[in-house]
N, C-alpha and C. Protein backbone atom coordinates (compact mmCIF):
# COMPACT_ATOMS: atom_id res chain seq x y z
N MET A 1 121.37 94.90 -75.89
CA MET A 1 121.01 95.18 -74.51
C MET A 1 122.22 95.83 -73.82
N ALA A 2 122.03 96.97 -73.21
CA ALA A 2 123.10 97.67 -72.52
C ALA A 2 123.09 97.30 -71.04
N ALA A 3 123.39 96.09 -70.74
CA ALA A 3 123.34 95.60 -69.37
C ALA A 3 124.69 95.73 -68.67
N ARG A 4 124.65 95.84 -67.37
CA ARG A 4 125.85 95.94 -66.55
C ARG A 4 125.81 94.79 -65.54
N VAL A 5 126.94 94.10 -65.47
CA VAL A 5 127.09 92.97 -64.54
C VAL A 5 128.05 93.38 -63.45
N LEU A 6 127.66 93.16 -62.20
CA LEU A 6 128.50 93.42 -61.06
C LEU A 6 128.99 92.07 -60.51
N VAL A 7 130.29 91.96 -60.31
CA VAL A 7 130.87 90.70 -59.79
C VAL A 7 131.62 90.99 -58.51
N ALA A 8 131.26 90.26 -57.46
CA ALA A 8 131.93 90.41 -56.17
C ALA A 8 133.21 89.57 -56.17
N CYS A 9 134.30 90.16 -55.69
CA CYS A 9 135.59 89.50 -55.69
C CYS A 9 136.23 89.60 -54.29
N LYS A 10 136.35 88.49 -53.60
CA LYS A 10 136.89 88.50 -52.24
C LYS A 10 138.37 88.11 -52.25
N ARG A 11 139.15 88.81 -51.43
CA ARG A 11 140.57 88.48 -51.23
C ARG A 11 140.64 87.45 -50.10
N VAL A 12 141.24 86.31 -50.38
CA VAL A 12 141.36 85.23 -49.40
C VAL A 12 142.81 84.72 -49.40
N ILE A 13 143.14 83.97 -48.39
CA ILE A 13 144.42 83.27 -48.40
C ILE A 13 144.42 82.29 -49.56
N ASP A 14 145.47 82.27 -50.34
CA ASP A 14 145.53 81.42 -51.53
C ASP A 14 145.26 79.97 -51.17
N TYR A 15 144.52 79.30 -52.06
CA TYR A 15 144.12 77.92 -51.77
C TYR A 15 145.30 76.98 -51.63
N ALA A 16 146.45 77.31 -52.18
CA ALA A 16 147.61 76.42 -52.15
C ALA A 16 148.46 76.62 -50.90
N VAL A 17 148.14 77.64 -50.08
CA VAL A 17 148.94 77.92 -48.87
C VAL A 17 148.56 76.96 -47.77
N LYS A 18 149.55 76.45 -47.11
CA LYS A 18 149.29 75.61 -45.93
C LYS A 18 149.04 76.56 -44.75
N ILE A 19 147.81 76.58 -44.27
CA ILE A 19 147.47 77.53 -43.23
C ILE A 19 147.96 77.07 -41.86
N ARG A 20 148.20 78.07 -41.01
CA ARG A 20 148.60 77.80 -39.63
C ARG A 20 147.63 78.50 -38.69
N VAL A 21 147.29 77.85 -37.61
CA VAL A 21 146.39 78.42 -36.61
C VAL A 21 147.21 79.35 -35.70
N LYS A 22 146.62 80.50 -35.37
CA LYS A 22 147.28 81.43 -34.44
C LYS A 22 147.48 80.75 -33.08
N PRO A 23 148.54 81.11 -32.37
CA PRO A 23 148.79 80.48 -31.06
C PRO A 23 147.62 80.62 -30.09
N ASP A 24 146.88 81.73 -30.16
CA ASP A 24 145.72 81.88 -29.25
C ASP A 24 144.45 81.24 -29.79
N ARG A 25 144.56 80.56 -30.93
CA ARG A 25 143.46 79.84 -31.58
C ARG A 25 142.29 80.74 -31.98
N SER A 26 142.57 82.00 -32.20
CA SER A 26 141.52 82.95 -32.57
C SER A 26 141.27 83.02 -34.06
N GLY A 27 142.02 82.29 -34.83
CA GLY A 27 141.90 82.30 -36.30
C GLY A 27 143.15 81.74 -36.91
N VAL A 28 143.35 82.04 -38.19
CA VAL A 28 144.54 81.55 -38.88
C VAL A 28 145.50 82.71 -39.10
N VAL A 29 146.76 82.39 -39.25
CA VAL A 29 147.78 83.39 -39.53
C VAL A 29 147.60 83.84 -40.96
N SER A 30 147.37 85.16 -41.12
CA SER A 30 147.16 85.69 -42.45
C SER A 30 148.27 86.67 -42.87
N GLU A 31 149.06 87.10 -41.93
CA GLU A 31 150.15 88.01 -42.23
C GLU A 31 151.31 87.25 -42.86
N GLY A 32 151.84 87.79 -43.94
CA GLY A 32 153.00 87.20 -44.56
C GLY A 32 152.70 85.96 -45.41
N VAL A 33 151.44 85.68 -45.68
CA VAL A 33 151.09 84.55 -46.56
C VAL A 33 150.46 85.05 -47.83
N LYS A 34 150.57 84.28 -48.89
CA LYS A 34 150.04 84.69 -50.19
C LYS A 34 148.51 84.72 -50.16
N HIS A 35 147.95 85.80 -50.70
CA HIS A 35 146.51 85.93 -50.87
C HIS A 35 146.20 86.00 -52.36
N SER A 36 144.98 85.66 -52.70
CA SER A 36 144.52 85.74 -54.08
C SER A 36 143.00 85.92 -54.11
N MET A 37 142.45 86.01 -55.32
CA MET A 37 141.00 86.08 -55.42
C MET A 37 140.39 84.74 -55.06
N ASN A 38 139.30 84.76 -54.35
CA ASN A 38 138.58 83.53 -54.02
C ASN A 38 138.32 82.76 -55.32
N PRO A 39 138.68 81.49 -55.38
CA PRO A 39 138.53 80.73 -56.63
C PRO A 39 137.10 80.71 -57.18
N PHE A 40 136.12 80.67 -56.32
CA PHE A 40 134.73 80.67 -56.79
C PHE A 40 134.32 82.03 -57.35
N ASP A 41 134.94 83.10 -56.86
CA ASP A 41 134.70 84.43 -57.44
C ASP A 41 135.38 84.53 -58.81
N GLU A 42 136.51 83.86 -58.98
CA GLU A 42 137.14 83.79 -60.29
C GLU A 42 136.20 83.19 -61.32
N ILE A 43 135.49 82.15 -60.91
CA ILE A 43 134.53 81.51 -61.80
C ILE A 43 133.41 82.49 -62.19
N ALA A 44 132.95 83.29 -61.20
CA ALA A 44 131.92 84.31 -61.48
C ALA A 44 132.45 85.35 -62.46
N VAL A 45 133.69 85.78 -62.31
CA VAL A 45 134.29 86.73 -63.25
C VAL A 45 134.35 86.12 -64.63
N GLU A 46 134.77 84.86 -64.72
CA GLU A 46 134.84 84.20 -66.03
C GLU A 46 133.46 84.11 -66.69
N GLU A 47 132.43 83.84 -65.91
CA GLU A 47 131.06 83.77 -66.46
C GLU A 47 130.62 85.14 -66.95
N ALA A 48 130.94 86.18 -66.20
CA ALA A 48 130.61 87.54 -66.65
C ALA A 48 131.29 87.87 -67.96
N ILE A 49 132.54 87.45 -68.10
CA ILE A 49 133.29 87.68 -69.36
C ILE A 49 132.64 86.93 -70.49
N ARG A 50 132.19 85.69 -70.24
CA ARG A 50 131.49 84.93 -71.29
C ARG A 50 130.22 85.67 -71.73
N LEU A 51 129.48 86.24 -70.76
CA LEU A 51 128.27 86.98 -71.10
C LEU A 51 128.61 88.19 -71.96
N LYS A 52 129.71 88.86 -71.67
CA LYS A 52 130.11 90.01 -72.46
C LYS A 52 130.53 89.58 -73.86
N GLU A 53 131.26 88.50 -73.96
CA GLU A 53 131.68 87.99 -75.28
C GLU A 53 130.49 87.64 -76.14
N LYS A 54 129.39 87.18 -75.51
CA LYS A 54 128.16 86.84 -76.25
C LYS A 54 127.31 88.09 -76.52
N LYS A 55 127.81 89.26 -76.12
CA LYS A 55 127.12 90.54 -76.32
C LYS A 55 125.84 90.63 -75.49
N VAL A 56 125.77 89.89 -74.41
CA VAL A 56 124.62 89.94 -73.51
C VAL A 56 124.73 91.12 -72.56
N CYS A 57 125.95 91.48 -72.21
CA CYS A 57 126.13 92.65 -71.35
C CYS A 57 127.18 93.56 -71.98
N GLU A 58 127.12 94.81 -71.58
CA GLU A 58 128.01 95.80 -72.13
C GLU A 58 129.22 96.08 -71.23
N GLU A 59 129.00 95.98 -69.90
CA GLU A 59 130.05 96.34 -68.97
C GLU A 59 130.07 95.38 -67.77
N ILE A 60 131.28 95.08 -67.32
CA ILE A 60 131.49 94.24 -66.14
C ILE A 60 132.20 95.10 -65.11
N VAL A 61 131.65 95.12 -63.90
CA VAL A 61 132.24 95.90 -62.81
C VAL A 61 132.54 94.93 -61.67
N ALA A 62 133.79 94.92 -61.23
CA ALA A 62 134.17 94.09 -60.07
C ALA A 62 134.10 94.97 -58.82
N VAL A 63 133.71 94.38 -57.70
CA VAL A 63 133.67 95.08 -56.43
C VAL A 63 134.31 94.23 -55.36
N SER A 64 135.09 94.87 -54.52
CA SER A 64 135.71 94.18 -53.39
C SER A 64 135.75 95.12 -52.21
N CYS A 65 135.59 94.60 -51.03
CA CYS A 65 135.68 95.43 -49.83
C CYS A 65 136.80 94.93 -48.95
N GLY A 66 137.47 95.87 -48.31
CA GLY A 66 138.57 95.53 -47.42
C GLY A 66 139.62 96.60 -47.41
N ALA A 67 140.75 96.25 -46.81
CA ALA A 67 141.87 97.20 -46.71
C ALA A 67 142.53 97.37 -48.07
N ASP A 68 143.55 98.20 -48.13
CA ASP A 68 144.23 98.49 -49.40
C ASP A 68 144.68 97.26 -50.15
N LYS A 69 145.01 96.20 -49.42
CA LYS A 69 145.56 95.00 -50.06
C LYS A 69 144.56 94.33 -51.01
N CYS A 70 143.27 94.60 -50.84
CA CYS A 70 142.31 93.93 -51.75
C CYS A 70 142.35 94.56 -53.14
N GLN A 71 143.06 95.68 -53.30
CA GLN A 71 143.22 96.25 -54.63
C GLN A 71 143.95 95.26 -55.57
N GLU A 72 144.80 94.44 -55.01
CA GLU A 72 145.47 93.41 -55.80
C GLU A 72 144.46 92.44 -56.42
N THR A 73 143.45 92.12 -55.65
CA THR A 73 142.39 91.24 -56.14
C THR A 73 141.62 91.91 -57.28
N LEU A 74 141.34 93.18 -57.13
CA LEU A 74 140.67 93.93 -58.18
C LEU A 74 141.53 94.06 -59.44
N ARG A 75 142.82 94.21 -59.28
CA ARG A 75 143.73 94.24 -60.45
C ARG A 75 143.70 92.90 -61.18
N THR A 76 143.60 91.81 -60.43
CA THR A 76 143.48 90.49 -61.05
C THR A 76 142.22 90.41 -61.89
N ALA A 77 141.10 90.92 -61.33
CA ALA A 77 139.83 90.91 -62.09
C ALA A 77 139.96 91.76 -63.35
N LEU A 78 140.60 92.92 -63.25
CA LEU A 78 140.80 93.77 -64.43
C LEU A 78 141.65 93.05 -65.47
N ALA A 79 142.68 92.35 -65.02
CA ALA A 79 143.55 91.61 -65.94
C ALA A 79 142.79 90.47 -66.63
N MET A 80 141.79 89.93 -65.95
CA MET A 80 140.98 88.84 -66.53
C MET A 80 140.03 89.35 -67.61
N GLY A 81 139.71 90.68 -67.57
CA GLY A 81 138.83 91.25 -68.58
C GLY A 81 137.70 92.11 -68.06
N VAL A 82 137.65 92.34 -66.77
CA VAL A 82 136.64 93.22 -66.18
C VAL A 82 136.90 94.65 -66.64
N ASP A 83 135.85 95.42 -66.86
CA ASP A 83 136.00 96.79 -67.38
C ASP A 83 136.38 97.82 -66.30
N ARG A 84 135.76 97.71 -65.14
CA ARG A 84 136.03 98.65 -64.07
C ARG A 84 136.04 97.91 -62.74
N ALA A 85 136.65 98.53 -61.73
CA ALA A 85 136.70 97.94 -60.42
C ALA A 85 136.38 98.99 -59.36
N ILE A 86 135.64 98.57 -58.33
CA ILE A 86 135.28 99.44 -57.22
C ILE A 86 135.82 98.83 -55.94
N HIS A 87 136.57 99.65 -55.21
CA HIS A 87 137.12 99.21 -53.92
C HIS A 87 136.33 99.93 -52.81
N VAL A 88 135.63 99.17 -52.02
CA VAL A 88 134.96 99.73 -50.84
C VAL A 88 135.96 99.58 -49.70
N GLU A 89 136.56 100.69 -49.33
CA GLU A 89 137.66 100.65 -48.37
C GLU A 89 137.14 100.50 -46.94
N ILE A 90 137.67 99.50 -46.26
CA ILE A 90 137.34 99.20 -44.87
C ILE A 90 138.62 98.92 -44.13
N LYS A 91 138.77 99.51 -42.96
CA LYS A 91 139.97 99.25 -42.15
C LYS A 91 140.06 97.77 -41.84
N GLN A 92 141.29 97.25 -41.79
CA GLN A 92 141.51 95.82 -41.58
C GLN A 92 140.85 95.32 -40.30
N ASP A 93 140.94 96.09 -39.22
CA ASP A 93 140.31 95.66 -37.95
C ASP A 93 138.80 95.49 -38.10
N ASP A 94 138.18 96.44 -38.82
CA ASP A 94 136.74 96.36 -39.07
C ASP A 94 136.42 95.22 -40.02
N TYR A 95 137.24 95.04 -41.03
CA TYR A 95 137.02 93.99 -42.01
C TYR A 95 137.06 92.60 -41.35
N ASP A 96 137.98 92.44 -40.42
CA ASP A 96 138.10 91.13 -39.75
C ASP A 96 136.82 90.75 -38.99
N LYS A 97 136.01 91.73 -38.62
CA LYS A 97 134.77 91.50 -37.89
C LYS A 97 133.55 91.51 -38.80
N LEU A 98 133.75 91.77 -40.09
CA LEU A 98 132.65 91.90 -41.03
C LEU A 98 131.94 90.56 -41.25
N GLN A 99 130.63 90.56 -41.18
CA GLN A 99 129.84 89.35 -41.37
C GLN A 99 129.18 89.39 -42.75
N PRO A 100 128.71 88.24 -43.25
CA PRO A 100 128.11 88.18 -44.60
C PRO A 100 126.98 89.17 -44.83
N LEU A 101 126.14 89.44 -43.84
CA LEU A 101 125.05 90.39 -44.05
C LEU A 101 125.56 91.79 -44.35
N ALA A 102 126.60 92.22 -43.65
CA ALA A 102 127.18 93.54 -43.90
C ALA A 102 127.77 93.61 -45.30
N VAL A 103 128.43 92.54 -45.73
CA VAL A 103 128.98 92.49 -47.09
C VAL A 103 127.85 92.52 -48.12
N ALA A 104 126.77 91.77 -47.87
CA ALA A 104 125.62 91.77 -48.78
C ALA A 104 125.02 93.17 -48.89
N LYS A 105 124.94 93.89 -47.78
CA LYS A 105 124.43 95.27 -47.82
C LYS A 105 125.33 96.16 -48.67
N LEU A 106 126.63 95.99 -48.53
CA LEU A 106 127.57 96.77 -49.35
C LEU A 106 127.39 96.46 -50.83
N ILE A 107 127.34 95.18 -51.15
CA ILE A 107 127.19 94.77 -52.57
C ILE A 107 125.87 95.29 -53.12
N ALA A 108 124.79 95.18 -52.35
CA ALA A 108 123.48 95.65 -52.82
C ALA A 108 123.51 97.16 -53.07
N LYS A 109 124.14 97.93 -52.19
CA LYS A 109 124.24 99.39 -52.39
C LYS A 109 125.02 99.71 -53.65
N VAL A 110 126.13 99.01 -53.87
CA VAL A 110 126.93 99.23 -55.06
C VAL A 110 126.12 98.85 -56.31
N ALA A 111 125.38 97.74 -56.24
CA ALA A 111 124.55 97.32 -57.38
C ALA A 111 123.50 98.37 -57.71
N GLU A 112 122.89 98.95 -56.68
CA GLU A 112 121.90 99.99 -56.92
C GLU A 112 122.55 101.24 -57.52
N LYS A 113 123.66 101.66 -56.93
CA LYS A 113 124.34 102.88 -57.39
C LYS A 113 124.84 102.72 -58.83
N GLU A 114 125.36 101.54 -59.16
CA GLU A 114 125.90 101.28 -60.49
C GLU A 114 124.82 100.89 -61.50
N LYS A 115 123.57 100.73 -61.03
CA LYS A 115 122.48 100.33 -61.88
C LYS A 115 122.79 98.96 -62.57
N ALA A 116 123.29 98.03 -61.76
CA ALA A 116 123.61 96.71 -62.27
C ALA A 116 122.33 95.96 -62.61
N ASN A 117 122.39 95.17 -63.68
CA ASN A 117 121.26 94.34 -64.08
C ASN A 117 121.41 92.92 -63.57
N LEU A 118 122.62 92.55 -63.20
CA LEU A 118 122.91 91.20 -62.74
C LEU A 118 124.09 91.28 -61.77
N VAL A 119 124.00 90.52 -60.67
CA VAL A 119 125.10 90.44 -59.73
C VAL A 119 125.53 88.97 -59.68
N LEU A 120 126.82 88.75 -59.90
CA LEU A 120 127.39 87.40 -59.80
C LEU A 120 128.33 87.33 -58.62
N VAL A 121 128.19 86.29 -57.82
CA VAL A 121 129.12 86.03 -56.71
C VAL A 121 129.51 84.57 -56.77
N GLY A 122 130.66 84.27 -56.22
CA GLY A 122 131.06 82.87 -56.12
C GLY A 122 130.15 82.13 -55.15
N LYS A 123 130.07 80.82 -55.30
CA LYS A 123 129.12 80.07 -54.48
C LYS A 123 129.47 80.16 -53.00
N GLN A 124 130.72 80.35 -52.66
CA GLN A 124 131.15 80.49 -51.27
C GLN A 124 132.59 80.97 -51.25
N ALA A 125 133.00 81.48 -50.12
CA ALA A 125 134.40 81.89 -49.97
C ALA A 125 135.15 80.75 -49.30
N ILE A 126 136.39 80.53 -49.71
CA ILE A 126 137.12 79.40 -49.18
C ILE A 126 137.67 79.65 -47.80
N ASP A 127 137.58 80.91 -47.30
CA ASP A 127 138.10 81.18 -45.97
C ASP A 127 137.09 80.89 -44.87
N ASP A 128 135.82 81.21 -45.10
CA ASP A 128 134.82 80.97 -44.05
C ASP A 128 133.72 79.98 -44.46
N ASP A 129 133.67 79.65 -45.73
CA ASP A 129 132.67 78.69 -46.27
C ASP A 129 131.24 79.01 -45.85
N SER A 130 130.92 80.29 -45.64
CA SER A 130 129.61 80.60 -45.11
C SER A 130 128.48 80.50 -46.15
N ASN A 131 128.76 80.76 -47.42
CA ASN A 131 127.76 80.61 -48.47
C ASN A 131 126.46 81.37 -48.12
N GLN A 132 126.58 82.63 -47.75
CA GLN A 132 125.38 83.41 -47.38
C GLN A 132 125.26 84.73 -48.16
N THR A 133 126.36 85.29 -48.59
CA THR A 133 126.36 86.65 -49.14
C THR A 133 125.49 86.76 -50.39
N GLY A 134 125.57 85.83 -51.29
CA GLY A 134 124.78 85.88 -52.52
C GLY A 134 123.29 85.88 -52.27
N GLN A 135 122.85 84.99 -51.41
CA GLN A 135 121.41 84.88 -51.10
C GLN A 135 120.91 86.16 -50.42
N MET A 136 121.71 86.69 -49.48
CA MET A 136 121.31 87.90 -48.78
C MET A 136 121.30 89.10 -49.70
N THR A 137 122.26 89.16 -50.61
CA THR A 137 122.29 90.27 -51.59
C THR A 137 121.02 90.26 -52.44
N ALA A 138 120.64 89.08 -52.94
CA ALA A 138 119.43 88.96 -53.75
C ALA A 138 118.19 89.40 -52.95
N ALA A 139 118.13 89.00 -51.70
CA ALA A 139 116.99 89.35 -50.85
C ALA A 139 116.95 90.86 -50.62
N LEU A 140 118.07 91.48 -50.36
CA LEU A 140 118.12 92.93 -50.13
C LEU A 140 117.71 93.70 -51.37
N LEU A 141 118.06 93.19 -52.54
CA LEU A 141 117.69 93.84 -53.81
C LEU A 141 116.27 93.47 -54.25
N ASN A 142 115.69 92.47 -53.60
CA ASN A 142 114.39 91.92 -53.99
C ASN A 142 114.45 91.36 -55.42
N TRP A 143 115.57 90.69 -55.72
CA TRP A 143 115.79 90.08 -57.01
C TRP A 143 115.67 88.56 -56.88
N PRO A 144 115.33 87.85 -57.98
CA PRO A 144 115.40 86.39 -57.96
C PRO A 144 116.87 85.97 -57.89
N GLN A 145 117.08 84.74 -57.48
CA GLN A 145 118.46 84.25 -57.38
C GLN A 145 118.58 82.84 -57.94
N GLY A 146 119.74 82.57 -58.47
CA GLY A 146 120.09 81.23 -58.93
C GLY A 146 121.37 80.83 -58.23
N MET A 147 121.32 79.76 -57.49
CA MET A 147 122.50 79.36 -56.69
C MET A 147 123.18 78.15 -57.35
N PHE A 148 124.49 78.10 -57.16
CA PHE A 148 125.32 76.99 -57.64
C PHE A 148 125.18 76.75 -59.13
N ALA A 149 125.09 77.84 -59.87
CA ALA A 149 124.90 77.74 -61.32
C ALA A 149 126.19 77.27 -61.98
N SER A 150 126.03 76.36 -62.92
CA SER A 150 127.18 75.92 -63.69
C SER A 150 127.11 76.48 -65.11
N ASN A 151 125.96 77.08 -65.46
CA ASN A 151 125.78 77.67 -66.77
C ASN A 151 124.70 78.74 -66.66
N VAL A 152 124.85 79.86 -67.36
CA VAL A 152 123.89 80.96 -67.30
C VAL A 152 123.48 81.33 -68.71
N LYS A 153 122.18 81.53 -68.93
CA LYS A 153 121.65 82.08 -70.16
C LYS A 153 120.82 83.28 -69.75
N TRP A 154 121.06 84.40 -70.38
CA TRP A 154 120.42 85.64 -69.98
C TRP A 154 119.91 86.37 -71.18
N THR A 155 118.62 86.81 -71.13
CA THR A 155 118.03 87.61 -72.20
C THR A 155 117.47 88.89 -71.60
N ALA A 156 116.85 89.70 -72.41
CA ALA A 156 116.30 90.97 -71.94
C ALA A 156 115.13 90.74 -70.97
N THR A 157 114.47 89.61 -71.07
CA THR A 157 113.27 89.39 -70.23
C THR A 157 113.42 88.29 -69.18
N SER A 158 114.45 87.48 -69.26
CA SER A 158 114.57 86.39 -68.30
C SER A 158 116.00 85.92 -68.19
N SER A 159 116.23 85.12 -67.17
CA SER A 159 117.52 84.46 -67.03
C SER A 159 117.28 83.00 -66.74
N LYS A 160 118.18 82.17 -67.21
CA LYS A 160 118.11 80.75 -66.94
C LYS A 160 119.46 80.32 -66.44
N TRP A 161 119.49 79.36 -65.54
CA TRP A 161 120.75 78.82 -65.08
C TRP A 161 120.61 77.33 -64.85
N ARG A 162 121.70 76.65 -65.09
CA ARG A 162 121.74 75.20 -64.88
C ARG A 162 122.49 74.97 -63.59
N GLY A 163 121.88 74.20 -62.71
CA GLY A 163 122.51 73.91 -61.41
C GLY A 163 123.45 72.74 -61.48
N LYS A 164 124.48 72.78 -60.65
CA LYS A 164 125.47 71.69 -60.59
C LYS A 164 124.84 70.41 -60.09
N SER A 165 123.93 70.49 -59.11
CA SER A 165 123.44 69.27 -58.46
C SER A 165 122.43 68.52 -59.32
N THR A 166 121.48 69.24 -59.96
CA THR A 166 120.44 68.55 -60.71
C THR A 166 120.70 68.55 -62.20
N GLY A 167 121.39 69.56 -62.70
CA GLY A 167 121.60 69.67 -64.14
C GLY A 167 120.42 70.22 -64.88
N ASP A 168 119.31 70.52 -64.17
CA ASP A 168 118.09 71.06 -64.78
C ASP A 168 118.23 72.57 -64.94
N TRP A 169 117.55 73.09 -65.98
CA TRP A 169 117.53 74.54 -66.18
C TRP A 169 116.44 75.13 -65.31
N LYS A 170 116.77 76.21 -64.62
CA LYS A 170 115.81 76.99 -63.79
C LYS A 170 115.67 78.34 -64.46
N GLU A 171 114.49 78.97 -64.31
CA GLU A 171 114.27 80.24 -64.98
C GLU A 171 113.68 81.25 -64.02
N SER A 172 114.05 82.51 -64.20
CA SER A 172 113.43 83.61 -63.45
C SER A 172 113.12 84.71 -64.43
N ARG A 173 112.14 85.51 -64.13
CA ARG A 173 111.73 86.63 -64.97
C ARG A 173 111.77 87.90 -64.16
């Protein structure tokens, strides 16, 4: 099967950084602190790599949106084993105002343009904990979705995933 997997990779403040609130309480201080790939997106990248190792997919493409600094996140994905990376460049001021629906629209457009057969996203981002982008992306693509998967089985005609909460296998066609 010549399938292509698209994996969304968000640049966030590193989980080990002690965050500080801005003096005006409008958010957290992000300048001058270490950033890295969202840990849940790392898990999605790892799962895509497992699918490729099992010969279920042929190519893995990472996508990230944001200012130039998110290229570091894409380089991390490439170092992990992703085949290609796409940077959707957005000015930092615009990115700071970006909501999950806009990100889902970007990911859906990239998925369509790249002819992706599967889109993997982390269950949530550790910076805003919104947990909305994956569901909205699936809706925009009119694709079935599996949330909070701890294991994925994928064939030419269906996909199965095991959820963290129930441990039961769910299937979509």
